PDB file of N, CA and C in Angstrom:
ATOM      1  N   UNK A   1      49.317  81.798  27.147  1.00  0.00           N
ATOM      2  CA  UNK A   1      50.027  83.027  27.419  1.00  0.00           C
ATOM      3  C   UNK A   1      49.386  83.748  28.604  1.00  0.00           C
ATOM      4  N   UNK A   2      50.146  84.680  29.161  1.00  0.00           N
ATOM      5  CA  UNK A   2      49.676  85.427  30.322  1.00  0.00           C
ATOM      6  C   UNK A   2      50.350  86.797  30.337  1.00  0.00           C
ATOM      7  N   UNK A   3      49.903  87.631  31.229  1.00  0.00           N
ATOM      8  CA  UNK A   3      50.568  88.903  31.454  1.00  0.00           C
ATOM      9  C   UNK A   3      51.674  88.687  32.473  1.00  0.00           C
ATOM     10  N   UNK A   4      52.666  89.584  32.453  1.00  0.00           N
ATOM     11  CA  UNK A   4      53.863  89.443  33.272  1.00  0.00           C
ATOM     12  C   UNK A   4      54.166  90.784  33.942  1.00  0.00           C
ATOM     13  N   UNK A   5      54.467  90.755  35.235  1.00  0.00           N
ATOM     14  CA  UNK A   5      54.911  91.948  35.943  1.00  0.00           C
ATOM     15  C   UNK A   5      56.433  91.986  35.847  1.00  0.00           C
ATOM     16  N   UNK A   6      56.972  93.153  35.489  1.00  0.00           N
ATOM     17  CA  UNK A   6      58.414  93.268  35.249  1.00  0.00           C
ATOM     18  C   UNK A   6      59.082  94.268  36.205  1.00  0.00           C
ATOM     19  N   UNK A   7      60.350  94.549  35.970  1.00  0.00           N
ATOM     20  CA  UNK A   7      61.212  95.342  36.846  1.00  0.00           C
ATOM     21  C   UNK A   7      60.656  96.682  37.323  1.00  0.00           C
ATOM     22  N   UNK A   8      59.927  97.456  36.524  1.00  0.00           N
ATOM     23  CA  UNK A   8      59.448  98.739  37.036  1.00  0.00           C
ATOM     24  C   UNK A   8      58.574  98.625  38.291  1.00  0.00           C
ATOM     25  N   UNK A   9      58.020  97.449  38.555  1.00  0.00           N
ATOM     26  CA  UNK A   9      57.198  97.250  39.750  1.00  0.00           C
ATOM     27  C   UNK A   9      58.060  97.143  41.006  1.00  0.00           C
ATOM     28  N   UNK A  10      59.302  96.733  40.856  1.00  0.00           N
ATOM     29  CA  UNK A  10      60.170  96.497  42.005  1.00  0.00           C
ATOM     30  C   UNK A  10      60.357  97.777  42.814  1.00  0.00           C
ATOM     31  N   UNK A  11      60.029  97.709  44.083  1.00  0.00           N
ATOM     32  CA  UNK A  11      60.195  98.840  44.978  1.00  0.00           C
ATOM     33  C   UNK A  11      59.041  99.810  45.020  1.00  0.00           C
ATOM     34  N   UNK A  12      58.047  99.636  44.170  1.00  0.00           N
ATOM     35  CA  UNK A  12      56.880 100.525  44.245  1.00  0.00           C
ATOM     36  C   UNK A  12      55.623  99.753  44.609  1.00  0.00           C
ATOM     37  N   UNK A  13      55.410  98.633  43.968  1.00  0.00           N
ATOM     38  CA  UNK A  13      54.323  97.694  44.294  1.00  0.00           C
ATOM     39  C   UNK A  13      52.946  98.364  44.374  1.00  0.00           C
ATOM     40  N   UNK A  14      52.557  99.007  43.290  1.00  0.00           N
ATOM     41  CA  UNK A  14      51.206  99.556  43.211  1.00  0.00           C
ATOM     42  C   UNK A  14      50.219  98.405  43.097  1.00  0.00           C
ATOM     43  N   UNK A  15      49.032  98.588  43.620  1.00  0.00           N
ATOM     44  CA  UNK A  15      48.039  97.508  43.588  1.00  0.00           C
ATOM     45  C   UNK A  15      46.783  97.901  42.817  1.00  0.00           C
ATOM     46  N   UNK A  16      46.856  98.949  42.019  1.00  0.00           N
ATOM     47  CA  UNK A  16      45.717  99.356  41.192  1.00  0.00           C
ATOM     48  C   UNK A  16      45.311  98.214  40.258  1.00  0.00           C
ATOM     49  N   UNK A  17      46.296  97.473  39.787  1.00  0.00           N
ATOM     50  CA  UNK A  17      46.063  96.355  38.872  1.00  0.00           C
ATOM     51  C   UNK A  17      45.307  95.211  39.547  1.00  0.00           C
ATOM     52  N   UNK A  18      45.570  95.019  40.819  1.00  0.00           N
ATOM     53  CA  UNK A  18      44.982  93.906  41.576  1.00  0.00           C
ATOM     54  C   UNK A  18      43.462  94.021  41.641  1.00  0.00           C
ATOM     55  N   UNK A  19      42.969  95.223  41.897  1.00  0.00           N
ATOM     56  CA  UNK A  19      41.528  95.394  42.122  1.00  0.00           C
ATOM     57  C   UNK A  19      40.694  95.280  40.849  1.00  0.00           C
ATOM     58  N   UNK A  20      41.312  95.360  39.680  1.00  0.00           N
ATOM     59  CA  UNK A  20      40.555  95.218  38.429  1.00  0.00           C
ATOM     60  C   UNK A  20      40.653  93.810  37.846  1.00  0.00           C
ATOM     61  N   UNK A  21      41.465  92.960  38.443  1.00  0.00           N
ATOM     62  CA  UNK A  21      41.689  91.615  37.907  1.00  0.00           C
ATOM     63  C   UNK A  21      40.499  90.699  38.189  1.00  0.00           C
ATOM     64  N   UNK A  22      39.847  90.190  37.137  1.00  0.00           N
ATOM     65  CA  UNK A  22      38.684  89.315  37.353  1.00  0.00           C
ATOM     66  C   UNK A  22      39.053  87.883  37.744  1.00  0.00           C
ATOM     67  N   UNK A  23      40.311  87.512  37.558  1.00  0.00           N
ATOM     68  CA  UNK A  23      40.697  86.123  37.842  1.00  0.00           C
ATOM     69  C   UNK A  23      41.555  85.985  39.099  1.00  0.00           C
ATOM     70  N   UNK A  24      41.752  87.092  39.821  1.00  0.00           N
ATOM     71  CA  UNK A  24      42.508  87.066  41.072  1.00  0.00           C
ATOM     72  C   UNK A  24      43.850  86.356  40.909  1.00  0.00           C
ATOM     73  N   UNK A  25      44.585  86.734  39.880  1.00  0.00           N
ATOM     74  CA  UNK A  25      45.838  86.048  39.558  1.00  0.00           C
ATOM     75  C   UNK A  25      47.079  86.719  40.132  1.00  0.00           C
ATOM     76  N   UNK A  26      46.926  87.842  40.838  1.00  0.00           N
ATOM     77  CA  UNK A  26      48.091  88.529  41.378  1.00  0.00           C
ATOM     78  C   UNK A  26      48.568  87.891  42.672  1.00  0.00           C
ATOM     79  N   UNK A  27      49.892  87.909  42.839  1.00  0.00           N
ATOM     80  CA  UNK A  27      50.536  87.394  44.037  1.00  0.00           C
ATOM     81  C   UNK A  27      51.438  88.501  44.572  1.00  0.00           C
ATOM     82  N   UNK A  28      51.589  88.556  45.906  1.00  0.00           N
ATOM     83  CA  UNK A  28      52.333  89.644  46.538  1.00  0.00           C
ATOM     84  C   UNK A  28      53.659  89.174  47.108  1.00  0.00           C
ATOM     85  N   UNK A  29      54.740  89.736  46.565  1.00  0.00           N
ATOM     86  CA  UNK A  29      56.066  89.514  47.107  1.00  0.00           C
ATOM     87  C   UNK A  29      56.435  90.683  48.010  1.00  0.00           C
ATOM     88  N   UNK A  30      57.607  90.636  48.609  1.00  0.00           N
ATOM     89  CA  UNK A  30      58.039  91.706  49.510  1.00  0.00           C
ATOM     90  C   UNK A  30      58.240  93.035  48.786  1.00  0.00           C
ATOM     91  N   UNK A  31      58.785  92.982  47.564  1.00  0.00           N
ATOM     92  CA  UNK A  31      59.142  94.198  46.846  1.00  0.00           C
ATOM     93  C   UNK A  31      58.356  94.442  45.560  1.00  0.00           C
ATOM     94  N   UNK A  32      57.606  93.441  45.104  1.00  0.00           N
ATOM     95  CA  UNK A  32      56.837  93.605  43.866  1.00  0.00           C
ATOM     96  C   UNK A  32      55.705  92.596  43.797  1.00  0.00           C
ATOM     97  N   UNK A  33      54.859  92.764  42.806  1.00  0.00           N
ATOM     98  CA  UNK A  33      53.755  91.833  42.556  1.00  0.00           C
ATOM     99  C   UNK A  33      54.153  90.870  41.446  1.00  0.00           C
ATOM    100  N   UNK A  34      53.444  89.762  41.377  1.00  0.00           N
ATOM    101  CA  UNK A  34      53.656  88.766  40.328  1.00  0.00           C
ATOM    102  C   UNK A  34      52.291  88.340  39.807  1.00  0.00           C
ATOM    103  N   UNK A  35      52.268  87.801  38.604  1.00  0.00           N
ATOM    104  CA  UNK A  35      51.037  87.262  38.029  1.00  0.00           C
ATOM    105  C   UNK A  35      51.200  85.764  37.875  1.00  0.00           C
ATOM    106  N   UNK A  36      50.218  85.029  38.372  1.00  0.00           N
ATOM    107  CA  UNK A  36      50.205  83.576  38.221  1.00  0.00           C
ATOM    108  C   UNK A  36      49.782  83.265  36.787  1.00  0.00           C
ATOM    109  N   UNK A  37      50.675  82.728  35.972  1.00  0.00           N
ATOM    110  CA  UNK A  37      50.334  82.478  34.571  1.00  0.00           C
ATOM    111  C   UNK A  37      49.242  81.428  34.395  1.00  0.00           C
ATOM    112  N   UNK A  38      49.050  80.585  35.388  1.00  0.00           N
ATOM    113  CA  UNK A  38      47.995  79.569  35.310  1.00  0.00           C
ATOM    114  C   UNK A  38      46.619  80.167  35.566  1.00  0.00           C
ATOM    115  N   UNK A  39      46.564  81.259  36.313  1.00  0.00           N
ATOM    116  CA  UNK A  39      45.287  81.885  36.653  1.00  0.00           C
ATOM    117  C   UNK A  39      44.921  83.048  35.736  1.00  0.00           C
ATOM    118  N   UNK A  40      45.904  83.632  35.069  1.00  0.00           N
ATOM    119  CA  UNK A  40      45.667  84.787  34.204  1.00  0.00           C
ATOM    120  C   UNK A  40      44.798  84.398  33.006  1.00  0.00           C
ATOM    121  N   UNK A  41      43.782  85.229  32.744  1.00  0.00           N
ATOM    122  CA  UNK A  41      42.861  84.958  31.623  1.00  0.00           C
ATOM    123  C   UNK A  41      43.096  85.915  30.441  1.00  0.00           C
ATOM    124  N   UNK A  42      44.217  86.629  30.457  1.00  0.00           N
ATOM    125  CA  UNK A  42      44.599  87.513  29.356  1.00  0.00           C
ATOM    126  C   UNK A  42      43.549  88.575  29.023  1.00  0.00           C
ATOM    127  N   UNK A  43      42.921  89.124  30.034  1.00  0.00           N
ATOM    128  CA  UNK A  43      41.845  90.086  29.791  1.00  0.00           C
ATOM    129  C   UNK A  43      42.334  91.501  29.511  1.00  0.00           C
ATOM    130  N   UNK A  44      43.577  91.829  29.880  1.00  0.00           N
ATOM    131  CA  UNK A  44      44.183  93.139  29.668  1.00  0.00           C
ATOM    132  C   UNK A  44      43.640  94.216  30.605  1.00  0.00           C
ATOM    133  N   UNK A  45      42.887  93.853  31.627  1.00  0.00           N
ATOM    134  CA  UNK A  45      42.359  94.857  32.560  1.00  0.00           C
ATOM    135  C   UNK A  45      43.464  95.474  33.412  1.00  0.00           C
ATOM    136  N   UNK A  46      44.476  94.708  33.743  1.00  0.00           N
ATOM    137  CA  UNK A  46      45.526  95.172  34.644  1.00  0.00           C
ATOM    138  C   UNK A  46      46.521  96.124  33.991  1.00  0.00           C
ATOM    139  N   UNK A  47      46.887  95.859  32.785  1.00  0.00           N
ATOM    140  CA  UNK A  47      47.959  96.605  32.124  1.00  0.00           C
ATOM    141  C   UNK A  47      47.746  98.119  32.139  1.00  0.00           C
ATOM    142  N   UNK A  48      46.596  98.631  31.718  1.00  0.00           N
ATOM    143  CA  UNK A  48      46.433 100.088  31.709  1.00  0.00           C
ATOM    144  C   UNK A  48      46.355 100.710  33.104  1.00  0.00           C
ATOM    145  N   UNK A  49      46.138  99.910  34.134  1.00  0.00           N
ATOM    146  CA  UNK A  49      46.039 100.430  35.497  1.00  0.00           C
ATOM    147  C   UNK A  49      47.396 100.623  36.170  1.00  0.00           C
ATOM    148  N   UNK A  50      48.445 100.068  35.608  1.00  0.00           N
ATOM    149  CA  UNK A  50      49.776 100.139  36.213  1.00  0.00           C
ATOM    150  C   UNK A  50      50.403 101.506  35.944  1.00  0.00           C
ATOM    151  N   UNK A  51      50.619 102.324  36.988  1.00  0.00           N
ATOM    152  CA  UNK A  51      51.160 103.665  36.773  1.00  0.00           C
ATOM    153  C   UNK A  51      52.634 103.694  36.374  1.00  0.00           C
ATOM    154  N   UNK A  52      53.336 102.581  36.535  1.00  0.00           N
ATOM    155  CA  UNK A  52      54.758 102.543  36.158  1.00  0.00           C
ATOM    156  C   UNK A  52      55.003 101.687  34.915  1.00  0.00           C
ATOM    157  N   UNK A  53      53.932 101.264  34.267  1.00  0.00           N
ATOM    158  CA  UNK A  53      53.998 100.476  33.026  1.00  0.00           C
ATOM    159  C   UNK A  53      54.901  99.247  33.164  1.00  0.00           C
ATOM    160  N   UNK A  54      54.637  98.479  34.217  1.00  0.00           N
ATOM    161  CA  UNK A  54      55.432  97.283  34.507  1.00  0.00           C
ATOM    162  C   UNK A  54      54.822  96.001  33.967  1.00  0.00           C
ATOM    163  N   UNK A  55      53.592  96.050  33.455  1.00  0.00           N
ATOM    164  CA  UNK A  55      52.884  94.840  33.035  1.00  0.00           C
ATOM    165  C   UNK A  55      52.854  94.745  31.513  1.00  0.00           C
ATOM    166  N   UNK A  56      53.257  93.568  31.020  1.00  0.00           N
ATOM    167  CA  UNK A  56      53.289  93.317  29.577  1.00  0.00           C
ATOM    168  C   UNK A  56      52.656  91.965  29.284  1.00  0.00           C
ATOM    169  N   UNK A  57      52.068  91.861  28.096  1.00  0.00           N
ATOM    170  CA  UNK A  57      51.628  90.560  27.620  1.00  0.00           C
ATOM    171  C   UNK A  57      52.890  89.736  27.378  1.00  0.00           C
ATOM    172  N   UNK A  58      52.851  88.471  27.680  1.00  0.00           N
ATOM    173  CA  UNK A  58      54.042  87.618  27.619  1.00  0.00           C
ATOM    174  C   UNK A  58      54.793  87.721  26.296  1.00  0.00           C
ATOM    175  N   UNK A  59      54.091  87.765  25.187  1.00  0.00           N
ATOM    176  CA  UNK A  59      54.735  87.866  23.873  1.00  0.00           C
ATOM    177  C   UNK A  59      55.326  89.243  23.606  1.00  0.00           C
ATOM    178  N   UNK A  60      55.006  90.227  24.449  1.00  0.00           N
ATOM    179  CA  UNK A  60      55.460  91.604  24.238  1.00  0.00           C
ATOM    180  C   UNK A  60      56.429  92.089  25.311  1.00  0.00           C
ATOM    181  N   UNK A  61      56.891  91.200  26.174  1.00  0.00           N
ATOM    182  CA  UNK A  61      57.841  91.587  27.214  1.00  0.00           C
ATOM    183  C   UNK A  61      59.135  92.032  26.538  1.00  0.00           C
ATOM    184  N   UNK A  62      59.619  93.245  26.860  1.00  0.00           N
ATOM    185  CA  UNK A  62      60.870  93.719  26.258  1.00  0.00           C
ATOM    186  C   UNK A  62      62.034  92.778  26.565  1.00  0.00           C
ATOM    187  N   UNK A  63      62.986  92.763  25.692  1.00  0.00           N
ATOM    188  CA  UNK A  63      64.150  91.880  25.808  1.00  0.00           C
ATOM    189  C   UNK A  63      64.812  91.980  27.176  1.00  0.00           C
ATOM    190  N   UNK A  64      64.959  93.194  27.686  1.00  0.00           N
ATOM    191  CA  UNK A  64      65.648  93.366  28.964  1.00  0.00           C
ATOM    192  C   UNK A  64      64.873  92.818  30.164  1.00  0.00           C
ATOM    193  N   UNK A  65      63.600  92.473  29.958  1.00  0.00           N
ATOM    194  CA  UNK A  65      62.774  91.946  31.051  1.00  0.00           C
ATOM    195  C   UNK A  65      62.372  90.483  30.846  1.00  0.00           C
ATOM    196  N   UNK A  66      62.951  89.812  29.889  1.00  0.00           N
ATOM    197  CA  UNK A  66      62.553  88.432  29.571  1.00  0.00           C
ATOM    198  C   UNK A  66      62.621  87.483  30.767  1.00  0.00           C
ATOM    199  N   UNK A  67      63.584  87.674  31.665  1.00  0.00           N
ATOM    200  CA  UNK A  67      63.709  86.773  32.808  1.00  0.00           C
ATOM    201  C   UNK A  67      62.519  86.864  33.760  1.00  0.00           C
ATOM    202  N   UNK A  68      61.728  87.927  33.649  1.00  0.00           N
ATOM    203  CA  UNK A  68      60.568  88.090  34.504  1.00  0.00           C
ATOM    204  C   UNK A  68      59.427  87.132  34.140  1.00  0.00           C
ATOM    205  N   UNK A  69      59.444  86.591  32.946  1.00  0.00           N
ATOM    206  CA  UNK A  69      58.426  85.601  32.560  1.00  0.00           C
ATOM    207  C   UNK A  69      58.549  84.387  33.478  1.00  0.00           C
ATOM    208  N   UNK A  70      59.742  83.864  33.603  1.00  0.00           N
ATOM    209  CA  UNK A  70      59.985  82.714  34.471  1.00  0.00           C
ATOM    210  C   UNK A  70      59.856  83.100  35.942  1.00  0.00           C
ATOM    211  N   UNK A  71      60.326  84.292  36.295  1.00  0.00           N
ATOM    212  CA  UNK A  71      60.249  84.740  37.682  1.00  0.00           C
ATOM    213  C   UNK A  71      58.806  84.825  38.160  1.00  0.00           C
ATOM    214  N   UNK A  72      57.902  85.350  37.337  1.00  0.00           N
ATOM    215  CA  UNK A  72      56.496  85.417  37.719  1.00  0.00           C
ATOM    216  C   UNK A  72      55.938  84.021  37.965  1.00  0.00           C
ATOM    217  N   UNK A  73      56.257  83.088  37.096  1.00  0.00           N
ATOM    218  CA  UNK A  73      55.758  81.710  37.257  1.00  0.00           C
ATOM    219  C   UNK A  73      56.293  81.087  38.539  1.00  0.00           C
ATOM    220  N   UNK A  74      57.568  81.278  38.813  1.00  0.00           N
ATOM    221  CA  UNK A  74      58.173  80.704  40.024  1.00  0.00           C
ATOM    222  C   UNK A  74      57.629  81.353  41.292  1.00  0.00           C
ATOM    223  N   UNK A  75      57.552  82.671  41.300  1.00  0.00           N
ATOM    224  CA  UNK A  75      57.119  83.376  42.500  1.00  0.00           C
ATOM    225  C   UNK A  75      55.621  83.235  42.754  1.00  0.00           C
ATOM    226  N   UNK A  76      54.854  82.989  41.721  1.00  0.00           N
ATOM    227  CA  UNK A  76      53.415  82.778  41.894  1.00  0.00           C
ATOM    228  C   UNK A  76      53.141  81.546  42.752  1.00  0.00           C
ATOM    229  N   UNK A  77      54.052  80.594  42.725  1.00  0.00           N
ATOM    230  CA  UNK A  77      53.903  79.384  43.533  1.00  0.00           C
ATOM    231  C   UNK A  77      54.343  79.601  44.979  1.00  0.00           C
ATOM    232  N   UNK A  78      55.129  80.655  45.234  1.00  0.00           N
ATOM    233  CA  UNK A  78      55.727  80.869  46.553  1.00  0.00           C
ATOM    234  C   UNK A  78      55.128  82.019  47.338  1.00  0.00           C
ATOM    235  N   UNK A  79      54.358  82.878  46.668  1.00  0.00           N
ATOM    236  CA  UNK A  79      53.843  84.083  47.327  1.00  0.00           C
ATOM    237  C   UNK A  79      52.325  84.020  47.440  1.00  0.00           C
ATOM    238  N   UNK A  80      51.781  84.720  48.434  1.00  0.00           N
ATOM    239  CA  UNK A  80      50.332  84.667  48.665  1.00  0.00           C
ATOM    240  C   UNK A  80      49.539  85.517  47.674  1.00  0.00           C
ATOM    241  N   UNK A  81      48.296  85.143  47.439  1.00  0.00           N
ATOM    242  CA  UNK A  81      47.443  85.965  46.574  1.00  0.00           C
ATOM    243  C   UNK A  81      47.157  87.313  47.241  1.00  0.00           C
ATOM    244  N   UNK A  82      46.903  88.287  46.417  1.00  0.00           N
ATOM    245  CA  UNK A  82      46.515  89.611  46.901  1.00  0.00           C
ATOM    246  C   UNK A  82      45.233  89.990  46.165  1.00  0.00           C
ATOM    247  N   UNK A  83      44.252  90.495  46.905  1.00  0.00           N
ATOM    248  CA  UNK A  83      42.936  90.788  46.336  1.00  0.00           C
ATOM    249  C   UNK A  83      42.494  92.235  46.511  1.00  0.00           C
ATOM    250  N   UNK A  84      43.212  93.005  47.318  1.00  0.00           N
ATOM    251  CA  UNK A  84      42.758  94.357  47.614  1.00  0.00           C
ATOM    252  C   UNK A  84      43.875  95.378  47.439  1.00  0.00           C
ATOM    253  N   UNK A  85      43.464  96.626  47.318  1.00  0.00           N
ATOM    254  CA  UNK A  85      44.417  97.725  47.166  1.00  0.00           C
ATOM    255  C   UNK A  85      45.147  97.921  48.486  1.00  0.00           C
ATOM    256  N   UNK A  86      46.448  98.149  48.385  1.00  0.00           N
ATOM    257  CA  UNK A  86      47.280  98.434  49.545  1.00  0.00           C
ATOM    258  C   UNK A  86      48.111  99.681  49.252  1.00  0.00           C
ATOM    259  N   UNK A  87      48.671 100.253  50.292  1.00  0.00           N
ATOM    260  CA  UNK A  87      49.541 101.412  50.129  1.00  0.00           C
ATOM    261  C   UNK A  87      50.801 100.988  49.377  1.00  0.00           C
ATOM    262  N   UNK A  88      51.162 101.708  48.299  1.00  0.00           N
ATOM    263  CA  UNK A  88      52.368 101.346  47.549  1.00  0.00           C
ATOM    264  C   UNK A  88      53.633 101.622  48.353  1.00  0.00           C
ATOM    265  N   UNK A  89      54.721 101.005  47.966  1.00  0.00           N
ATOM    266  CA  UNK A  89      56.003 101.225  48.618  1.00  0.00           C
ATOM    267  C   UNK A  89      56.592 102.582  48.242  1.00  0.00           C
ATOM    268  N   UNK A  90      56.270 103.080  47.033  1.00  0.00           N
ATOM    269  CA  UNK A  90      56.816 104.343  46.548  1.00  0.00           C
ATOM    270  C   UNK A  90      55.823 104.993  45.596  1.00  0.00           C
ATOM    271  N   UNK A  91      56.020 106.261  45.369  1.00  0.00           N
ATOM    272  CA  UNK A  91      55.189 107.013  44.414  1.00  0.00           C
ATOM    273  C   UNK A  91      55.862 106.985  43.041  1.00  0.00           C
ATOM    274  N   UNK A  92      55.056 107.047  41.940  1.00  0.00           N
ATOM    275  CA  UNK A  92      55.674 107.025  40.598  1.00  0.00           C
ATOM    276  C   UNK A  92      56.422 108.301  40.289  1.00  0.00           C
TER     277      UNK A  92
END
């Protein structure tokens, strides 16, 4: 299992979660972040840092965001890793 970034991240792309991640599992898309499920160590460090509450443990992803489980896995293979804080696209 892994953590999953969901719809609330779209268009804001906060990176507070990135800087606390010990496994460097975040990937950066144009409009949102993704978590590489192969690299995630389920530490829960990222979830409380997300100001828009977009990160969920895979087993706890709300029904309306279920497609983001597969989307994170797919996009993790296509997007570059991100390791540092960047300016968000929008404020919460």
